Amino acid sequence: METATGGGQPLLHQKSPETQRFGTVKQLPLGLGHDTRMYACQRLNRILADTQILHALYRKHHWMVRGATFHMLHELLDHHATAQSALVDSLAERIQSLGGVAVGDPRHVAELTSIPRPPDGVEPVPVMLSRLLDAHERILVDARDAASRISAEGDEGSNDLLVSEVVRTGEAQVWFLAEHLVDTPLVRV
C-alpha cells in the first residue's frame, strides 16, 4: 500500500524563494568578467523583451490582416513570427549561458519593452505593417549599439548573436514588409 508521500502522489503547491534573482549573474568559467556579463545580460534582456513583443505583434497582425493580399500577408507574417520566436529562444539561451536570468514572464516583458502597445482592435493593414516596421527599427538600433558596446567589452559571442541573427533577420524582415507599402499600380504604368 502506497502512502501519500510515496512515489505515486505528486507533490503539489510547492513554494520556494528564488534561487537566482533577475538582474544578477552567477559565476561561470567563461573567461568573461562579472561586469561584462552583467552588462551583456542587461542589454540582451532589453532586446529580448522587445523581440518577444515583436513576436506577439506578428501573431496579432497575422490573425487580423484583411484585404486582397490576405493570404500572402497572412503567410508572410506567420513566417516572420516563427523567425522571431527562434530569436527569442536564442537571446534567452545566451543570457542564461552568461549566468544571467532571461526575462520570461509576459508581465515583466511589458515593463521592459520600448515598443508601444497597439490598440486592442483591428487596424488597417498599412498601419499594422508600419507598426511592425517601427518595432523592428527600435530593435535594430538597440541591437547595433549593444553589439558594438558588448564587443568592446570582449563578449564576441553576444556580438555575433546580435549581428548574425538579430540584425540580419530584422533587416530582411524590414525589407519584405516595407515593399508592401510601396504604392505601385498593378496593371498600368
C-alpha atoms as a PDB file:
ATOM      1  CA  MET A   1       0.000   0.000   0.000  1.00  0.00           C
ATOM      2  CA  GLU A   2       1.425   3.390  -1.049  1.00  0.00           C
ATOM      3  CA  THR A   3       1.454   6.287   1.366  1.00  0.00           C
ATOM      4  CA  ALA A   4       0.556   9.889   0.480  1.00  0.00           C
ATOM      5  CA  THR A   5       4.266  10.767   0.460  1.00  0.00           C
ATOM      6  CA  GLY A   6       5.225   7.717  -1.637  1.00  0.00           C
ATOM      7  CA  GLY A   7       6.121   7.539  -5.321  1.00  0.00           C
ATOM      8  CA  GLY A   8       2.602   7.784  -6.769  1.00  0.00           C
ATOM      9  CA  GLN A   9       1.434  11.131  -5.404  1.00  0.00           C
ATOM     10  CA  PRO A  10       2.646  14.384  -6.982  1.00  0.00           C
ATOM     11  CA  LEU A  11       3.968  16.939  -4.520  1.00  0.00           C
ATOM     12  CA  LEU A  12       1.630  19.815  -5.319  1.00  0.00           C
ATOM     13  CA  HIS A  13       1.644  23.501  -4.371  1.00  0.00           C
ATOM     14  CA  GLN A  14       5.372  23.731  -3.741  1.00  0.00           C
ATOM     15  CA  LYS A  15       6.867  27.106  -2.913  1.00  0.00           C
ATOM     16  CA  SER A  16      10.422  28.318  -2.514  1.00  0.00           C
ATOM     17  CA  PRO A  17      12.427  31.529  -2.518  1.00  0.00           C
ATOM     18  CA  GLU A  18      14.074  32.418  -5.828  1.00  0.00           C
ATOM     19  CA  THR A  19      17.323  30.598  -6.430  1.00  0.00           C
ATOM     20  CA  GLN A  20      18.663  33.491  -8.547  1.00  0.00           C
ATOM     21  CA  ARG A  21      17.240  36.995  -8.745  1.00  0.00           C
ATOM     22  CA  PHE A  22      16.625  38.739 -12.060  1.00  0.00           C
ATOM     23  CA  GLY A  23      19.405  41.229 -12.800  1.00  0.00           C
ATOM     24  CA  THR A  24      22.158  39.066 -11.329  1.00  0.00           C
ATOM     25  CA  VAL A  25      24.724  36.765 -12.902  1.00  0.00           C
ATOM     26  CA  LYS A  26      26.247  33.668 -11.399  1.00  0.00           C
ATOM     27  CA  GLN A  27      29.923  32.930 -11.813  1.00  0.00           C
ATOM     28  CA  LEU A  28      30.744  30.638 -14.710  1.00  0.00           C
ATOM     29  CA  PRO A  29      34.214  29.802 -16.122  1.00  0.00           C
ATOM     30  CA  LEU A  30      33.636  31.655 -19.404  1.00  0.00           C
ATOM     31  CA  GLY A  31      36.701  33.869 -19.495  1.00  0.00           C
ATOM     32  CA  LEU A  32      34.457  36.943 -19.241  1.00  0.00           C
ATOM     33  CA  GLY A  33      34.396  39.175 -16.183  1.00  0.00           C
ATOM     34  CA  HIS A  34      31.379  39.735 -13.972  1.00  0.00           C
ATOM     35  CA  ASP A  35      30.806  43.322 -15.148  1.00  0.00           C
ATOM     36  CA  THR A  36      30.989  42.333 -18.824  1.00  0.00           C
ATOM     37  CA  ARG A  37      28.455  39.553 -18.315  1.00  0.00           C
ATOM     38  CA  MET A  38      26.176  41.823 -16.253  1.00  0.00           C
ATOM     39  CA  TYR A  39      26.216  44.487 -18.954  1.00  0.00           C
ATOM     40  CA  ALA A  40      25.624  41.955 -21.735  1.00  0.00           C
ATOM     41  CA  CYS A  41      22.703  40.379 -19.864  1.00  0.00           C
ATOM     42  CA  GLN A  42      21.099  43.778 -19.244  1.00  0.00           C
ATOM     43  CA  ARG A  43      21.344  44.751 -22.924  1.00  0.00           C
ATOM     44  CA  LEU A  44      20.283  41.324 -24.163  1.00  0.00           C
ATOM     45  CA  ASN A  45      17.272  41.284 -21.813  1.00  0.00           C
ATOM     46  CA  ARG A  46      16.030  44.599 -23.224  1.00  0.00           C
ATOM     47  CA  ILE A  47      16.358  43.263 -26.762  1.00  0.00           C
ATOM     48  CA  LEU A  48      14.742  40.006 -25.657  1.00  0.00           C
ATOM     49  CA  ALA A  49      11.747  41.880 -24.209  1.00  0.00           C
ATOM     50  CA  ASP A  50      11.329  43.893 -27.416  1.00  0.00           C
ATOM     51  CA  THR A  51      11.699  40.758 -29.543  1.00  0.00           C
ATOM     52  CA  GLN A  52       9.008  38.987 -27.514  1.00  0.00           C
ATOM     53  CA  ILE A  53       6.683  41.934 -28.109  1.00  0.00           C
ATOM     54  CA  LEU A  54       7.548  41.980 -31.829  1.00  0.00           C
ATOM     55  CA  HIS A  55       6.758  38.258 -31.999  1.00  0.00           C
ATOM     56  CA  ALA A  56       3.383  38.929 -30.345  1.00  0.00           C
ATOM     57  CA  LEU A  57       2.680  41.787 -32.789  1.00  0.00           C
ATOM     58  CA  TYR A  58       3.424  39.483 -35.701  1.00  0.00           C
ATOM     59  CA  ARG A  59       0.997  36.906 -34.295  1.00  0.00           C
ATOM     60  CA  LYS A  60      -1.716  39.516 -33.740  1.00  0.00           C
ATOM     61  CA  HIS A  61      -1.344  41.022 -37.196  1.00  0.00           C
ATOM     62  CA  HIS A  62      -1.187  37.528 -38.745  1.00  0.00           C
ATOM     63  CA  TRP A  63      -4.647  36.900 -37.298  1.00  0.00           C
ATOM     64  CA  MET A  64      -6.067  40.350 -38.080  1.00  0.00           C
ATOM     65  CA  VAL A  65      -4.793  41.013 -41.635  1.00  0.00           C
ATOM     66  CA  ARG A  66      -7.558  41.809 -44.155  1.00  0.00           C
ATOM     67  CA  GLY A  67      -8.000  42.555 -47.842  1.00  0.00           C
ATOM     68  CA  ALA A  68      -6.917  41.440 -51.286  1.00  0.00           C
ATOM     69  CA  THR A  69      -3.441  40.396 -50.125  1.00  0.00           C
ATOM     70  CA  PHE A  70      -4.800  38.471 -47.133  1.00  0.00           C
ATOM     71  CA  HIS A  71      -3.319  35.074 -47.968  1.00  0.00           C
ATOM     72  CA  MET A  72       0.114  36.394 -48.918  1.00  0.00           C
ATOM     73  CA  LEU A  73       0.421  38.618 -45.839  1.00  0.00           C
ATOM     74  CA  HIS A  74      -1.116  36.008 -43.539  1.00  0.00           C
ATOM     75  CA  GLU A  75       1.611  33.551 -44.604  1.00  0.00           C
ATOM     76  CA  LEU A  76       4.407  36.162 -44.560  1.00  0.00           C
ATOM     77  CA  LEU A  77       3.542  37.382 -41.062  1.00  0.00           C
ATOM     78  CA  ASP A  78       3.368  33.792 -39.819  1.00  0.00           C
ATOM     79  CA  HIS A  79       6.803  33.087 -41.325  1.00  0.00           C
ATOM     80  CA  HIS A  80       8.244  36.231 -39.702  1.00  0.00           C
ATOM     81  CA  ALA A  81       6.662  35.333 -36.347  1.00  0.00           C
ATOM     82  CA  THR A  82       8.342  31.929 -36.477  1.00  0.00           C
ATOM     83  CA  ALA A  83      11.724  33.584 -37.099  1.00  0.00           C
ATOM     84  CA  GLN A  84      11.139  35.996 -34.207  1.00  0.00           C
ATOM     85  CA  SER A  85      10.264  33.068 -31.947  1.00  0.00           C
ATOM     86  CA  ALA A  86      13.622  31.476 -32.790  1.00  0.00           C
ATOM     87  CA  LEU A  87      15.363  34.774 -31.929  1.00  0.00           C
ATOM     88  CA  VAL A  88      13.566  34.866 -28.569  1.00  0.00           C
ATOM     89  CA  ASP A  89      14.951  31.427 -27.795  1.00  0.00           C
ATOM     90  CA  SER A  90      18.487  32.311 -28.944  1.00  0.00           C
ATOM     91  CA  LEU A  91      18.552  35.526 -26.894  1.00  0.00           C
ATOM     92  CA  ALA A  92      17.180  33.830 -23.769  1.00  0.00           C
ATOM     93  CA  GLU A  93      19.657  30.975 -24.040  1.00  0.00           C
ATOM     94  CA  ARG A  94      22.563  33.415 -24.489  1.00  0.00           C
ATOM     95  CA  ILE A  95      21.547  35.283 -21.329  1.00  0.00           C
ATOM     96  CA  GLN A  96      21.328  32.021 -19.405  1.00  0.00           C
ATOM     97  CA  SER A  97      24.696  30.853 -20.765  1.00  0.00           C
ATOM     98  CA  LEU A  98      26.286  34.076 -19.453  1.00  0.00           C
ATOM     99  CA  GLY A  99      24.973  33.223 -15.983  1.00  0.00           C
ATOM    100  CA  GLY A 100      22.069  35.670 -16.113  1.00  0.00           C
ATOM    101  CA  VAL A 101      18.314  35.295 -15.890  1.00  0.00           C
ATOM    102  CA  ALA A 102      16.307  35.781 -19.084  1.00  0.00           C
ATOM    103  CA  VAL A 103      13.106  37.813 -18.895  1.00  0.00           C
ATOM    104  CA  GLY A 104      10.296  35.336 -19.476  1.00  0.00           C
ATOM    105  CA  ASP A 105       7.071  36.422 -17.839  1.00  0.00           C
ATOM    106  CA  PRO A 106       4.881  38.481 -20.227  1.00  0.00           C
ATOM    107  CA  ARG A 107       4.070  40.957 -17.442  1.00  0.00           C
ATOM    108  CA  HIS A 108       7.794  41.534 -16.840  1.00  0.00           C
ATOM    109  CA  VAL A 109       8.390  41.802 -20.601  1.00  0.00           C
ATOM    110  CA  ALA A 110       5.736  44.553 -20.747  1.00  0.00           C
ATOM    111  CA  GLU A 111       7.645  46.507 -18.082  1.00  0.00           C
ATOM    112  CA  LEU A 112      10.940  46.316 -20.013  1.00  0.00           C
ATOM    113  CA  THR A 113       9.876  46.812 -23.634  1.00  0.00           C
ATOM    114  CA  SER A 114      10.350  50.041 -25.576  1.00  0.00           C
ATOM    115  CA  ILE A 115       7.751  49.066 -28.185  1.00  0.00           C
ATOM    116  CA  PRO A 116       4.443  50.933 -27.799  1.00  0.00           C
ATOM    117  CA  ARG A 117       1.315  48.904 -27.146  1.00  0.00           C
ATOM    118  CA  PRO A 118      -1.029  48.669 -30.129  1.00  0.00           C
ATOM    119  CA  PRO A 119      -4.777  49.145 -29.832  1.00  0.00           C
ATOM    120  CA  ASP A 120      -6.687  46.031 -28.836  1.00  0.00           C
ATOM    121  CA  GLY A 121      -8.770  46.047 -32.032  1.00  0.00           C
ATOM    122  CA  VAL A 122      -8.039  45.695 -35.728  1.00  0.00           C
ATOM    123  CA  GLU A 123      -6.118  48.374 -37.630  1.00  0.00           C
ATOM    124  CA  PRO A 124      -5.823  48.881 -41.405  1.00  0.00           C
ATOM    125  CA  VAL A 125      -3.132  46.693 -42.973  1.00  0.00           C
ATOM    126  CA  PRO A 126      -0.755  49.602 -43.799  1.00  0.00           C
ATOM    127  CA  VAL A 127      -0.890  50.703 -40.149  1.00  0.00           C
ATOM    128  CA  MET A 128      -0.145  47.161 -38.956  1.00  0.00           C
ATOM    129  CA  LEU A 129       2.843  46.943 -41.294  1.00  0.00           C
ATOM    130  CA  SER A 130       4.053  50.383 -40.198  1.00  0.00           C
ATOM    131  CA  ARG A 131       3.766  49.306 -36.567  1.00  0.00           C
ATOM    132  CA  LEU A 132       5.902  46.225 -37.286  1.00  0.00           C
ATOM    133  CA  LEU A 133       8.481  48.359 -39.121  1.00  0.00           C
ATOM    134  CA  ASP A 134       8.694  50.749 -36.162  1.00  0.00           C
ATOM    135  CA  ALA A 135       9.230  47.857 -33.751  1.00  0.00           C
ATOM    136  CA  HIS A 136      11.935  46.424 -35.990  1.00  0.00           C
ATOM    137  CA  GLU A 137      13.715  49.768 -36.182  1.00  0.00           C
ATOM    138  CA  ARG A 138      13.737  50.125 -32.395  1.00  0.00           C
ATOM    139  CA  ILE A 139      15.243  46.650 -32.042  1.00  0.00           C
ATOM    140  CA  LEU A 140      17.780  47.192 -34.841  1.00  0.00           C
ATOM    141  CA  VAL A 141      19.028  50.475 -33.354  1.00  0.00           C
ATOM    142  CA  ASP A 142      19.360  48.907 -29.904  1.00  0.00           C
ATOM    143  CA  ALA A 143      20.928  45.683 -31.233  1.00  0.00           C
ATOM    144  CA  ARG A 144      23.581  47.527 -33.263  1.00  0.00           C
ATOM    145  CA  ASP A 145      24.501  49.733 -30.312  1.00  0.00           C
ATOM    146  CA  ALA A 146      24.563  46.750 -27.931  1.00  0.00           C
ATOM    147  CA  ALA A 147      26.673  44.682 -30.356  1.00  0.00           C
ATOM    148  CA  SER A 148      29.267  47.437 -30.628  1.00  0.00           C
ATOM    149  CA  ARG A 149      29.479  48.071 -26.890  1.00  0.00           C
ATOM    150  CA  ILE A 150      29.433  44.391 -25.958  1.00  0.00           C
ATOM    151  CA  SER A 151      32.198  43.687 -28.490  1.00  0.00           C
ATOM    152  CA  ALA A 152      34.292  46.448 -26.915  1.00  0.00           C
ATOM    153  CA  GLU A 153      33.898  44.572 -23.606  1.00  0.00           C
ATOM    154  CA  GLY A 154      35.249  41.391 -25.211  1.00  0.00           C
ATOM    155  CA  ASP A 155      31.994  39.427 -25.457  1.00  0.00           C
ATOM    156  CA  GLU A 156      32.208  38.338 -29.083  1.00  0.00           C
ATOM    157  CA  GLY A 157      29.627  35.577 -28.581  1.00  0.00           C
ATOM    158  CA  SER A 158      26.873  38.071 -27.750  1.00  0.00           C
ATOM    159  CA  ASN A 159      28.107  40.374 -30.517  1.00  0.00           C
ATOM    160  CA  ASP A 160      27.837  37.521 -33.014  1.00  0.00           C
ATOM    161  CA  LEU A 161      24.295  36.664 -31.899  1.00  0.00           C
ATOM    162  CA  LEU A 162      23.196  40.281 -32.197  1.00  0.00           C
ATOM    163  CA  VAL A 163      24.760  40.894 -35.619  1.00  0.00           C
ATOM    164  CA  SER A 164      24.363  37.488 -37.269  1.00  0.00           C
ATOM    165  CA  GLU A 165      20.884  36.698 -36.022  1.00  0.00           C
ATOM    166  CA  VAL A 166      19.013  39.716 -34.636  1.00  0.00           C
ATOM    167  CA  VAL A 167      20.247  42.374 -37.074  1.00  0.00           C
ATOM    168  CA  ARG A 168      20.325  40.223 -40.198  1.00  0.00           C
ATOM    169  CA  THR A 169      16.892  38.698 -39.542  1.00  0.00           C
ATOM    170  CA  GLY A 170      15.440  42.113 -38.734  1.00  0.00           C
ATOM    171  CA  GLU A 171      16.891  43.742 -41.844  1.00  0.00           C
ATOM    172  CA  ALA A 172      15.470  41.050 -44.119  1.00  0.00           C
ATOM    173  CA  GLN A 173      12.052  41.242 -42.476  1.00  0.00           C
ATOM    174  CA  VAL A 174      12.020  45.050 -42.767  1.00  0.00           C
ATOM    175  CA  TRP A 175      12.740  44.733 -46.487  1.00  0.00           C
ATOM    176  CA  PHE A 176       9.853  42.289 -47.018  1.00  0.00           C
ATOM    177  CA  LEU A 177       7.407  44.425 -45.018  1.00  0.00           C
ATOM    178  CA  ALA A 178       8.412  47.803 -46.449  1.00  0.00           C
ATOM    179  CA  GLU A 179       7.930  46.605 -50.018  1.00  0.00           C
ATOM    180  CA  HIS A 180       4.245  46.013 -49.188  1.00  0.00           C
ATOM    181  CA  LEU A 181       3.869  49.734 -48.508  1.00  0.00           C
ATOM    182  CA  VAL A 182       5.068  50.855 -51.954  1.00  0.00           C
ATOM    183  CA  ASP A 183       2.161  52.347 -53.902  1.00  0.00           C
ATOM    184  CA  THR A 184       2.648  50.604 -57.248  1.00  0.00           C
ATOM    185  CA  PRO A 185      -0.180  50.141 -59.762  1.00  0.00           C
ATOM    186  CA  LEU A 186      -0.781  46.529 -60.661  1.00  0.00           C
ATOM    187  CA  VAL A 187      -1.806  46.862 -64.318  1.00  0.00           C
ATOM    188  CA  ARG A 188      -0.826  50.358 -65.520  1.00  0.00           C
ATOM    189  CA  VAL A 189       2.379  52.347 -65.622  1.00  0.00           C
END
